Amino acid sequence: MLNFKQFLEIPEHEIIDGILELHESIFKDSKTLVEKIKLKQKILINVAFDQSTVVGYKIGYELDPHKYYSWYGAVHEDYRGKGIATRLLEQQHRFLVESGYKIVQTKTRNSWRNMLILNIKNGFDVVETFADDEGIHRIILEKKLSAN
């Protein structure tokens, strides 16, 4: 049975350690994640658990009073295809609507196809593309939030 929790600050050690372990397995750069989180305004961390094990997360922060950035998200490979990423996204967006945000933005890469498809299926539009400093093609997506 999966459980979901939401945090408005960095969660306790067991939870953040689980997030970092999952983050490292996918993004390979967990060493500075906590310090980066501490620099962000109005952080929101949604977490999926199988008992006490972190199996997914979605982290975002405020860009301005009307726009929120959905920053990092991941689901453990053994738990993919079970709707966890969709539930984390829906919970994040519900909180953002309740908090008065009008737009949520995210960035992804062509290589992260599942994330790109998830975002498009959930109402995001591609608003811009660019090549970053490493020459990696990035895609910026935005979704207008509504209380409906």
N, C-alpha and C. Protein backbone atom coordinates (compact mmCIF):
# COMPACT_ATOMS: atom_id res chain seq x y z
N MET A 1 0.84 -1.18 0.00
CA MET A 1 0.00 0.00 0.00
C MET A 1 0.89 1.25 0.00
N LEU A 2 0.64 2.13 -0.94
CA LEU A 2 1.43 3.34 -1.05
C LEU A 2 0.80 4.47 -0.25
N ASN A 3 1.65 5.28 0.34
CA ASN A 3 1.23 6.48 1.07
C ASN A 3 1.93 7.68 0.47
N PHE A 4 1.29 8.84 0.58
CA PHE A 4 1.83 10.07 0.04
C PHE A 4 1.84 11.13 1.13
N LYS A 5 2.92 11.90 1.20
CA LYS A 5 3.03 12.99 2.17
C LYS A 5 3.58 14.22 1.46
N GLN A 6 3.26 15.36 2.05
CA GLN A 6 3.68 16.64 1.49
C GLN A 6 4.44 17.42 2.57
N PHE A 7 5.55 18.06 2.16
CA PHE A 7 6.39 18.80 3.09
C PHE A 7 6.65 20.20 2.54
N LEU A 8 6.61 21.19 3.42
CA LEU A 8 6.90 22.58 3.05
C LEU A 8 8.30 22.99 3.50
N GLU A 9 9.07 22.01 3.91
CA GLU A 9 10.47 22.21 4.29
C GLU A 9 11.18 20.87 4.11
N ILE A 10 12.47 20.87 4.26
CA ILE A 10 13.23 19.63 4.11
C ILE A 10 12.77 18.66 5.19
N PRO A 11 12.33 17.46 4.78
CA PRO A 11 11.81 16.51 5.77
C PRO A 11 12.90 15.90 6.63
N GLU A 12 12.47 15.14 7.63
CA GLU A 12 13.39 14.49 8.57
C GLU A 12 14.39 13.60 7.84
N HIS A 13 15.47 13.25 8.54
CA HIS A 13 16.62 12.57 7.94
C HIS A 13 16.27 11.30 7.17
N GLU A 14 15.42 10.44 7.72
CA GLU A 14 15.13 9.18 7.03
C GLU A 14 14.49 9.45 5.68
N ILE A 15 13.63 10.46 5.61
CA ILE A 15 12.92 10.76 4.37
C ILE A 15 13.85 11.45 3.38
N ILE A 16 14.58 12.46 3.81
CA ILE A 16 15.48 13.15 2.87
C ILE A 16 16.57 12.19 2.40
N ASP A 17 17.01 11.28 3.26
CA ASP A 17 18.00 10.28 2.84
C ASP A 17 17.43 9.38 1.75
N GLY A 18 16.16 9.00 1.88
CA GLY A 18 15.50 8.20 0.85
C GLY A 18 15.36 8.95 -0.45
N ILE A 19 15.04 10.24 -0.38
CA ILE A 19 14.95 11.07 -1.58
C ILE A 19 16.32 11.16 -2.25
N LEU A 20 17.36 11.39 -1.45
CA LEU A 20 18.72 11.52 -1.99
C LEU A 20 19.20 10.23 -2.65
N GLU A 21 18.87 9.11 -2.04
CA GLU A 21 19.26 7.82 -2.61
C GLU A 21 18.58 7.61 -3.97
N LEU A 22 17.30 7.90 -4.05
CA LEU A 22 16.57 7.77 -5.31
C LEU A 22 17.09 8.78 -6.34
N HIS A 23 17.32 10.00 -5.89
CA HIS A 23 17.84 11.05 -6.77
C HIS A 23 19.19 10.64 -7.37
N GLU A 24 20.07 10.12 -6.54
CA GLU A 24 21.39 9.70 -7.01
C GLU A 24 21.28 8.57 -8.04
N SER A 25 20.36 7.65 -7.83
CA SER A 25 20.23 6.52 -8.75
C SER A 25 19.77 6.96 -10.13
N ILE A 26 19.10 8.10 -10.22
CA ILE A 26 18.58 8.57 -11.50
C ILE A 26 19.40 9.72 -12.07
N PHE A 27 19.64 10.75 -11.26
CA PHE A 27 20.28 11.97 -11.76
C PHE A 27 21.78 12.04 -11.51
N LYS A 28 22.30 11.22 -10.61
CA LYS A 28 23.74 11.14 -10.33
C LYS A 28 24.33 12.42 -9.75
N ASP A 29 23.51 13.25 -9.08
CA ASP A 29 24.06 14.50 -8.53
C ASP A 29 23.40 14.88 -7.20
N SER A 30 23.28 13.91 -6.32
CA SER A 30 22.58 14.18 -5.06
C SER A 30 23.41 14.91 -4.02
N LYS A 31 24.71 15.01 -4.22
CA LYS A 31 25.59 15.56 -3.19
C LYS A 31 25.24 17.00 -2.78
N THR A 32 24.76 17.80 -3.71
CA THR A 32 24.46 19.20 -3.41
C THR A 32 22.97 19.51 -3.38
N LEU A 33 22.12 18.48 -3.53
CA LEU A 33 20.68 18.73 -3.63
C LEU A 33 20.12 19.44 -2.40
N VAL A 34 20.47 19.02 -1.21
CA VAL A 34 19.94 19.64 0.01
C VAL A 34 20.34 21.11 0.09
N GLU A 35 21.58 21.41 -0.24
CA GLU A 35 22.02 22.81 -0.21
C GLU A 35 21.27 23.64 -1.25
N LYS A 36 21.02 23.07 -2.42
CA LYS A 36 20.25 23.77 -3.45
C LYS A 36 18.82 24.01 -2.98
N ILE A 37 18.22 23.02 -2.33
CA ILE A 37 16.85 23.16 -1.81
C ILE A 37 16.79 24.32 -0.82
N LYS A 38 17.78 24.43 0.05
CA LYS A 38 17.80 25.48 1.07
C LYS A 38 17.81 26.88 0.47
N LEU A 39 18.26 27.02 -0.78
CA LEU A 39 18.33 28.33 -1.44
C LEU A 39 17.03 28.72 -2.14
N LYS A 40 16.08 27.79 -2.23
CA LYS A 40 14.84 28.04 -2.98
C LYS A 40 13.74 28.61 -2.08
N GLN A 41 12.87 29.41 -2.70
CA GLN A 41 11.75 30.03 -1.99
C GLN A 41 10.52 29.12 -2.04
N LYS A 42 9.83 29.03 -0.93
CA LYS A 42 8.56 28.30 -0.82
C LYS A 42 8.64 26.92 -1.46
N ILE A 43 9.52 26.11 -0.92
CA ILE A 43 9.75 24.77 -1.39
C ILE A 43 8.54 23.88 -1.08
N LEU A 44 8.26 22.96 -1.97
CA LEU A 44 7.21 21.96 -1.76
C LEU A 44 7.80 20.62 -2.18
N ILE A 45 7.73 19.64 -1.28
CA ILE A 45 8.26 18.31 -1.56
C ILE A 45 7.13 17.31 -1.34
N ASN A 46 6.73 16.63 -2.40
CA ASN A 46 5.74 15.58 -2.33
C ASN A 46 6.47 14.25 -2.42
N VAL A 47 6.11 13.30 -1.55
CA VAL A 47 6.84 12.04 -1.47
C VAL A 47 5.86 10.87 -1.47
N ALA A 48 6.22 9.82 -2.21
CA ALA A 48 5.47 8.57 -2.22
C ALA A 48 6.27 7.53 -1.46
N PHE A 49 5.58 6.77 -0.61
CA PHE A 49 6.22 5.75 0.22
C PHE A 49 5.57 4.40 0.01
N ASP A 50 6.38 3.36 0.05
CA ASP A 50 5.90 1.99 0.22
C ASP A 50 6.35 1.63 1.62
N GLN A 51 5.42 1.63 2.54
CA GLN A 51 5.69 1.55 3.97
C GLN A 51 6.58 2.73 4.34
N SER A 52 7.83 2.51 4.74
CA SER A 52 8.68 3.66 5.10
C SER A 52 9.73 3.95 4.03
N THR A 53 9.68 3.25 2.91
CA THR A 53 10.66 3.42 1.84
C THR A 53 10.19 4.47 0.84
N VAL A 54 11.03 5.45 0.56
CA VAL A 54 10.72 6.46 -0.46
C VAL A 54 10.80 5.78 -1.82
N VAL A 55 9.68 5.85 -2.58
CA VAL A 55 9.65 5.24 -3.92
C VAL A 55 9.41 6.29 -5.01
N GLY A 56 9.14 7.53 -4.60
CA GLY A 56 8.96 8.60 -5.56
C GLY A 56 8.93 9.94 -4.86
N TYR A 57 9.25 11.00 -5.63
CA TYR A 57 9.18 12.35 -5.07
C TYR A 57 9.00 13.36 -6.19
N LYS A 58 8.53 14.54 -5.81
CA LYS A 58 8.43 15.68 -6.71
C LYS A 58 8.76 16.91 -5.87
N ILE A 59 9.74 17.70 -6.33
CA ILE A 59 10.20 18.88 -5.61
C ILE A 59 9.97 20.10 -6.49
N GLY A 60 9.44 21.17 -5.89
CA GLY A 60 9.25 22.41 -6.63
C GLY A 60 9.48 23.61 -5.73
N TYR A 61 9.49 24.79 -6.36
CA TYR A 61 9.69 26.02 -5.61
C TYR A 61 9.09 27.19 -6.37
N GLU A 62 8.88 28.28 -5.65
CA GLU A 62 8.28 29.47 -6.23
C GLU A 62 9.26 30.24 -7.10
N LEU A 63 8.81 30.59 -8.31
CA LEU A 63 9.57 31.50 -9.17
C LEU A 63 9.15 32.94 -8.91
N ASP A 64 7.86 33.16 -8.76
CA ASP A 64 7.30 34.46 -8.38
C ASP A 64 5.93 34.18 -7.77
N PRO A 65 5.22 35.18 -7.28
CA PRO A 65 3.95 34.91 -6.59
C PRO A 65 2.87 34.22 -7.44
N HIS A 66 3.04 34.19 -8.75
CA HIS A 66 2.04 33.57 -9.61
C HIS A 66 2.56 32.33 -10.34
N LYS A 67 3.88 32.11 -10.31
CA LYS A 67 4.47 31.01 -11.09
C LYS A 67 5.33 30.12 -10.19
N TYR A 68 5.11 28.82 -10.33
CA TYR A 68 5.84 27.83 -9.56
C TYR A 68 6.66 26.95 -10.51
N TYR A 69 7.81 26.50 -10.05
CA TYR A 69 8.67 25.66 -10.87
C TYR A 69 8.68 24.24 -10.32
N SER A 70 8.25 23.29 -11.13
CA SER A 70 8.33 21.88 -10.77
C SER A 70 9.72 21.40 -11.18
N TRP A 71 10.57 21.21 -10.21
CA TRP A 71 12.00 21.11 -10.40
C TRP A 71 12.48 19.68 -10.64
N TYR A 72 12.43 18.85 -9.63
CA TYR A 72 12.89 17.47 -9.75
C TYR A 72 11.75 16.53 -9.39
N GLY A 73 11.73 15.40 -10.07
CA GLY A 73 10.79 14.36 -9.75
C GLY A 73 11.36 13.03 -10.19
N ALA A 74 11.05 11.99 -9.46
CA ALA A 74 11.56 10.66 -9.80
C ALA A 74 10.69 9.60 -9.17
N VAL A 75 10.65 8.45 -9.83
CA VAL A 75 10.00 7.26 -9.29
C VAL A 75 10.99 6.10 -9.43
N HIS A 76 11.14 5.34 -8.36
CA HIS A 76 12.04 4.19 -8.37
C HIS A 76 11.64 3.26 -9.52
N GLU A 77 12.63 2.72 -10.21
CA GLU A 77 12.35 1.91 -11.41
C GLU A 77 11.43 0.72 -11.12
N ASP A 78 11.47 0.16 -9.92
CA ASP A 78 10.60 -0.97 -9.58
C ASP A 78 9.14 -0.56 -9.39
N TYR A 79 8.88 0.74 -9.30
CA TYR A 79 7.53 1.22 -9.03
C TYR A 79 6.94 1.99 -10.21
N ARG A 80 7.63 2.03 -11.32
CA ARG A 80 7.13 2.77 -12.48
C ARG A 80 5.94 2.04 -13.10
N GLY A 81 5.09 2.83 -13.76
CA GLY A 81 3.92 2.26 -14.41
C GLY A 81 2.75 2.03 -13.47
N LYS A 82 2.84 2.54 -12.26
CA LYS A 82 1.79 2.36 -11.26
C LYS A 82 1.04 3.66 -10.96
N GLY A 83 1.31 4.72 -11.74
CA GLY A 83 0.61 5.98 -11.56
C GLY A 83 1.18 6.88 -10.47
N ILE A 84 2.34 6.54 -9.94
CA ILE A 84 2.92 7.32 -8.84
C ILE A 84 3.30 8.73 -9.32
N ALA A 85 3.96 8.84 -10.45
CA ALA A 85 4.36 10.17 -10.96
C ALA A 85 3.13 11.03 -11.20
N THR A 86 2.07 10.44 -11.73
CA THR A 86 0.83 11.19 -11.96
C THR A 86 0.23 11.67 -10.64
N ARG A 87 0.19 10.81 -9.64
CA ARG A 87 -0.36 11.22 -8.33
C ARG A 87 0.47 12.33 -7.70
N LEU A 88 1.79 12.23 -7.79
CA LEU A 88 2.64 13.28 -7.24
C LEU A 88 2.40 14.60 -7.96
N LEU A 89 2.28 14.55 -9.28
CA LEU A 89 2.00 15.74 -10.08
C LEU A 89 0.65 16.34 -9.69
N GLU A 90 -0.38 15.51 -9.60
CA GLU A 90 -1.72 15.99 -9.25
C GLU A 90 -1.74 16.63 -7.86
N GLN A 91 -1.05 16.00 -6.91
CA GLN A 91 -0.99 16.57 -5.56
C GLN A 91 -0.27 17.91 -5.56
N GLN A 92 0.81 18.00 -6.30
CA GLN A 92 1.54 19.26 -6.39
C GLN A 92 0.63 20.34 -6.99
N HIS A 93 -0.03 20.03 -8.08
CA HIS A 93 -0.86 21.02 -8.76
C HIS A 93 -2.06 21.44 -7.91
N ARG A 94 -2.65 20.50 -7.19
CA ARG A 94 -3.77 20.83 -6.29
C ARG A 94 -3.30 21.83 -5.23
N PHE A 95 -2.13 21.59 -4.64
CA PHE A 95 -1.59 22.51 -3.64
C PHE A 95 -1.32 23.88 -4.26
N LEU A 96 -0.77 23.90 -5.47
CA LEU A 96 -0.46 25.17 -6.12
C LEU A 96 -1.72 25.98 -6.40
N VAL A 97 -2.78 25.32 -6.87
CA VAL A 97 -4.05 26.02 -7.11
C VAL A 97 -4.57 26.59 -5.80
N GLU A 98 -4.57 25.77 -4.74
CA GLU A 98 -5.05 26.22 -3.43
C GLU A 98 -4.21 27.38 -2.89
N SER A 99 -2.95 27.45 -3.30
CA SER A 99 -2.04 28.51 -2.84
C SER A 99 -2.06 29.75 -3.73
N GLY A 100 -2.88 29.71 -4.80
CA GLY A 100 -3.06 30.89 -5.64
C GLY A 100 -2.12 31.03 -6.83
N TYR A 101 -1.32 30.01 -7.10
CA TYR A 101 -0.44 30.08 -8.27
C TYR A 101 -1.26 29.93 -9.54
N LYS A 102 -0.84 30.60 -10.59
CA LYS A 102 -1.55 30.59 -11.88
C LYS A 102 -0.87 29.71 -12.92
N ILE A 103 0.45 29.53 -12.80
CA ILE A 103 1.22 28.78 -13.80
C ILE A 103 2.23 27.88 -13.09
N VAL A 104 2.40 26.69 -13.62
CA VAL A 104 3.49 25.82 -13.18
C VAL A 104 4.36 25.57 -14.40
N GLN A 105 5.67 25.65 -14.19
CA GLN A 105 6.64 25.49 -15.27
C GLN A 105 7.56 24.33 -14.92
N THR A 106 8.06 23.66 -15.94
CA THR A 106 9.07 22.63 -15.74
C THR A 106 9.98 22.60 -16.96
N LYS A 107 11.11 21.93 -16.81
CA LYS A 107 12.02 21.71 -17.93
C LYS A 107 12.33 20.22 -17.99
N THR A 108 12.55 19.75 -19.19
CA THR A 108 12.93 18.35 -19.35
C THR A 108 13.84 18.23 -20.56
N ARG A 109 14.21 17.02 -20.88
CA ARG A 109 15.06 16.73 -22.03
C ARG A 109 14.33 15.72 -22.92
N ASN A 110 14.72 15.67 -24.17
CA ASN A 110 14.18 14.65 -25.06
C ASN A 110 14.46 13.25 -24.53
N SER A 111 15.60 13.09 -23.87
CA SER A 111 15.97 11.76 -23.36
C SER A 111 15.08 11.30 -22.21
N TRP A 112 14.37 12.23 -21.56
CA TRP A 112 13.44 11.87 -20.49
C TRP A 112 12.02 11.79 -21.08
N ARG A 113 11.82 10.92 -22.04
CA ARG A 113 10.56 10.83 -22.79
C ARG A 113 9.34 10.61 -21.90
N ASN A 114 9.46 9.73 -20.90
CA ASN A 114 8.31 9.45 -20.04
C ASN A 114 7.86 10.71 -19.31
N MET A 115 8.80 11.53 -18.88
CA MET A 115 8.44 12.77 -18.20
C MET A 115 7.80 13.76 -19.17
N LEU A 116 8.34 13.84 -20.36
CA LEU A 116 7.77 14.72 -21.38
C LEU A 116 6.32 14.31 -21.69
N ILE A 117 6.10 13.03 -21.88
CA ILE A 117 4.75 12.53 -22.17
C ILE A 117 3.81 12.77 -21.00
N LEU A 118 4.26 12.49 -19.78
CA LEU A 118 3.44 12.73 -18.58
C LEU A 118 3.00 14.18 -18.51
N ASN A 119 3.94 15.09 -18.73
CA ASN A 119 3.61 16.51 -18.66
C ASN A 119 2.60 16.91 -19.73
N ILE A 120 2.81 16.47 -20.95
CA ILE A 120 1.89 16.82 -22.04
C ILE A 120 0.51 16.23 -21.77
N LYS A 121 0.44 14.98 -21.30
CA LYS A 121 -0.86 14.36 -20.98
C LYS A 121 -1.59 15.11 -19.88
N ASN A 122 -0.84 15.81 -19.04
CA ASN A 122 -1.45 16.52 -17.91
C ASN A 122 -1.56 18.02 -18.14
N GLY A 123 -1.63 18.44 -19.40
CA GLY A 123 -1.99 19.81 -19.72
C GLY A 123 -0.86 20.80 -19.92
N PHE A 124 0.38 20.34 -19.91
CA PHE A 124 1.50 21.24 -20.17
C PHE A 124 1.63 21.50 -21.66
N ASP A 125 2.09 22.69 -22.00
CA ASP A 125 2.41 23.06 -23.38
C ASP A 125 3.90 23.35 -23.47
N VAL A 126 4.50 22.97 -24.58
CA VAL A 126 5.89 23.34 -24.85
C VAL A 126 5.90 24.82 -25.17
N VAL A 127 6.69 25.61 -24.42
CA VAL A 127 6.74 27.05 -24.64
C VAL A 127 8.09 27.52 -25.19
N GLU A 128 9.11 26.65 -25.06
CA GLU A 128 10.43 27.05 -25.55
C GLU A 128 11.35 25.83 -25.56
N THR A 129 12.34 25.86 -26.44
CA THR A 129 13.40 24.86 -26.43
C THR A 129 14.74 25.60 -26.55
N PHE A 130 15.78 25.00 -26.03
CA PHE A 130 17.11 25.60 -26.13
C PHE A 130 18.17 24.53 -25.87
N ALA A 131 19.39 24.81 -26.27
CA ALA A 131 20.52 23.94 -25.95
C ALA A 131 21.26 24.58 -24.78
N ASP A 132 21.51 23.80 -23.74
CA ASP A 132 22.19 24.34 -22.56
C ASP A 132 23.70 24.44 -22.82
N ASP A 133 24.45 24.82 -21.78
CA ASP A 133 25.89 25.03 -21.90
C ASP A 133 26.65 23.77 -22.32
N GLU A 134 26.05 22.61 -22.04
CA GLU A 134 26.68 21.34 -22.42
C GLU A 134 26.21 20.86 -23.78
N GLY A 135 25.36 21.66 -24.44
CA GLY A 135 24.84 21.28 -25.75
C GLY A 135 23.66 20.33 -25.69
N ILE A 136 23.11 20.12 -24.49
CA ILE A 136 21.96 19.23 -24.33
C ILE A 136 20.68 20.00 -24.62
N HIS A 137 19.85 19.44 -25.47
CA HIS A 137 18.60 20.09 -25.84
C HIS A 137 17.61 20.02 -24.68
N ARG A 138 17.07 21.15 -24.29
CA ARG A 138 16.12 21.24 -23.17
C ARG A 138 14.78 21.75 -23.68
N ILE A 139 13.73 21.34 -22.99
CA ILE A 139 12.37 21.70 -23.36
C ILE A 139 11.71 22.36 -22.14
N ILE A 140 11.20 23.56 -22.30
CA ILE A 140 10.48 24.25 -21.24
C ILE A 140 8.99 24.08 -21.50
N LEU A 141 8.30 23.63 -20.47
CA LEU A 141 6.85 23.42 -20.56
C LEU A 141 6.15 24.24 -19.47
N GLU A 142 4.95 24.70 -19.78
CA GLU A 142 4.14 25.42 -18.79
C GLU A 142 2.70 24.93 -18.85
N LYS A 143 2.06 25.03 -17.71
CA LYS A 143 0.64 24.68 -17.60
C LYS A 143 -0.05 25.79 -16.84
N LYS A 144 -1.18 26.25 -17.39
CA LYS A 144 -2.01 27.22 -16.68
C LYS A 144 -2.85 26.44 -15.69
N LEU A 145 -2.79 26.85 -14.44
CA LEU A 145 -3.52 26.19 -13.38
C LEU A 145 -4.91 26.80 -13.24
N SER A 146 -5.86 25.96 -12.95
CA SER A 146 -7.22 26.47 -12.71
C SER A 146 -7.83 25.73 -11.55
N ALA A 147 -8.78 26.34 -10.90
CA ALA A 147 -9.41 25.77 -9.71
C ALA A 147 -10.44 24.71 -10.07
N ASN A 148 -10.61 24.39 -11.34
CA ASN A 148 -11.63 23.40 -11.73
C ASN A 148 -11.22 22.00 -11.41
